[in-house]
């Protein structure tokens, strides 16, 4: 009986551990930069507006500026509605804003 109970505990622990690690998924968004600072980037994609944290480990292809079109690769592991929309892993500048605008 003890072996059965211990086996169930191990299976439950492994199952819940897999679910917890599955929360953090990779996402990609392409849109226009509406705000930018040292800590985060805000991207407007259609009607959706995402504020994504840019840690020091974020890789850049080009330097984004407000108005540029970018593709942001990010992970999202929000546990409450007050968490940021994600943490950037890579930012690619797709189209720079025209200097005439």
Protein backbone atom coordinates (compact mmCIF):
# COMPACT_ATOMS: atom_id res chain seq x y z
CA UNK A 1 0.00 0.00 0.00
CA UNK A 2 2.85 2.39 0.82
CA UNK A 3 4.40 1.76 -2.58
CA UNK A 4 1.10 2.57 -4.27
CA UNK A 5 0.73 5.85 -2.36
CA UNK A 6 4.34 6.87 -3.08
CA UNK A 7 3.89 6.02 -6.75
CA UNK A 8 0.77 8.19 -6.92
CA UNK A 9 2.62 11.07 -5.24
CA UNK A 10 5.48 10.83 -7.73
CA UNK A 11 3.11 10.73 -10.70
CA UNK A 12 1.14 13.72 -9.37
CA UNK A 13 4.33 15.71 -8.78
CA UNK A 14 5.59 15.02 -12.29
CA UNK A 15 2.22 15.85 -13.83
CA UNK A 16 1.90 19.18 -12.02
CA UNK A 17 5.51 20.06 -12.80
CA UNK A 18 4.83 19.58 -16.51
CA UNK A 19 1.75 21.78 -16.36
CA UNK A 20 3.62 24.55 -14.53
CA UNK A 21 6.43 24.61 -17.07
CA UNK A 22 3.93 24.61 -19.94
CA UNK A 23 2.66 28.05 -18.85
CA UNK A 24 5.65 29.82 -20.40
CA UNK A 25 5.18 29.64 -24.17
CA UNK A 26 6.98 31.35 -27.00
CA UNK A 27 4.94 33.93 -28.93
CA UNK A 28 5.60 36.27 -31.85
CA UNK A 29 3.94 39.60 -32.62
CA UNK A 30 4.54 41.96 -35.53
CA UNK A 31 3.42 45.55 -35.21
CA UNK A 32 4.34 49.21 -34.92
CA UNK A 33 6.38 50.50 -31.98
CA UNK A 34 4.28 53.05 -30.06
CA UNK A 35 6.45 53.39 -26.94
CA UNK A 36 10.03 52.42 -26.20
CA UNK A 37 12.36 52.77 -23.22
CA UNK A 38 15.21 50.85 -21.56
CA UNK A 39 12.88 48.46 -19.72
CA UNK A 40 10.15 47.67 -22.27
CA UNK A 41 8.71 48.06 -25.75
CA UNK A 42 5.03 48.67 -26.54
CA UNK A 43 3.82 47.28 -29.86
CA UNK A 44 0.48 48.01 -31.55
CA UNK A 45 -0.73 45.12 -33.72
CA UNK A 46 -4.19 45.85 -35.08
CA UNK A 47 -6.31 46.82 -32.07
CA UNK A 48 -4.08 44.86 -29.69
CA UNK A 49 -1.45 46.76 -27.72
CA UNK A 50 1.25 44.74 -25.96
CA UNK A 51 3.77 45.98 -23.40
CA UNK A 52 6.72 43.61 -23.44
CA UNK A 53 9.68 43.75 -21.04
CA UNK A 54 13.10 43.90 -22.72
CA UNK A 55 15.67 42.33 -20.39
CA UNK A 56 19.43 42.68 -21.01
CA UNK A 57 19.42 39.25 -22.67
CA UNK A 58 17.13 40.39 -25.52
CA UNK A 59 18.76 39.98 -28.95
CA UNK A 60 18.22 42.77 -31.49
CA UNK A 61 18.32 42.79 -35.30
CA UNK A 62 18.60 46.54 -35.86
CA UNK A 63 17.68 49.25 -33.37
CA UNK A 64 13.94 49.91 -33.03
CA UNK A 65 12.53 53.42 -32.83
CA UNK A 66 8.99 54.67 -32.26
CA UNK A 67 7.08 54.22 -35.51
CA UNK A 68 9.17 51.29 -36.77
CA UNK A 69 7.56 47.98 -37.66
CA UNK A 70 9.08 45.19 -35.57
CA UNK A 71 8.67 41.49 -34.96
CA UNK A 72 9.03 40.64 -31.27
CA UNK A 73 9.66 37.09 -30.10
CA UNK A 74 8.63 36.80 -26.44
CA UNK A 75 7.65 34.42 -23.70
CA UNK A 76 4.54 34.87 -21.64
CA UNK A 77 4.05 33.48 -18.17
CA UNK A 78 1.54 35.90 -16.67
CA UNK A 79 0.11 34.83 -13.35
CA UNK A 80 -2.09 37.86 -12.79
CA UNK A 81 -3.61 40.59 -14.89
CA UNK A 82 -1.01 43.07 -13.59
CA UNK A 83 1.94 41.16 -15.04
CA UNK A 84 3.52 42.51 -18.25
CA UNK A 85 2.40 40.94 -21.52
CA UNK A 86 5.69 39.09 -21.87
CA UNK A 87 9.47 39.09 -21.83
CA UNK A 88 11.25 39.68 -25.15
CA UNK A 89 13.85 37.19 -26.31
CA UNK A 90 14.44 38.70 -29.77
CA UNK A 91 13.39 41.91 -31.56
CA UNK A 92 13.71 42.27 -35.35
CA UNK A 93 13.24 45.65 -37.01
CA UNK A 94 11.22 44.98 -40.19
CA UNK A 95 10.50 48.44 -41.54
CA UNK A 96 11.82 51.79 -40.43
CA UNK A 97 9.54 54.77 -40.23
CA UNK A 98 9.98 57.12 -43.17
CA UNK A 99 12.01 60.25 -42.46
CA UNK A 100 9.30 62.30 -44.29
CA UNK A 101 6.68 61.57 -41.60
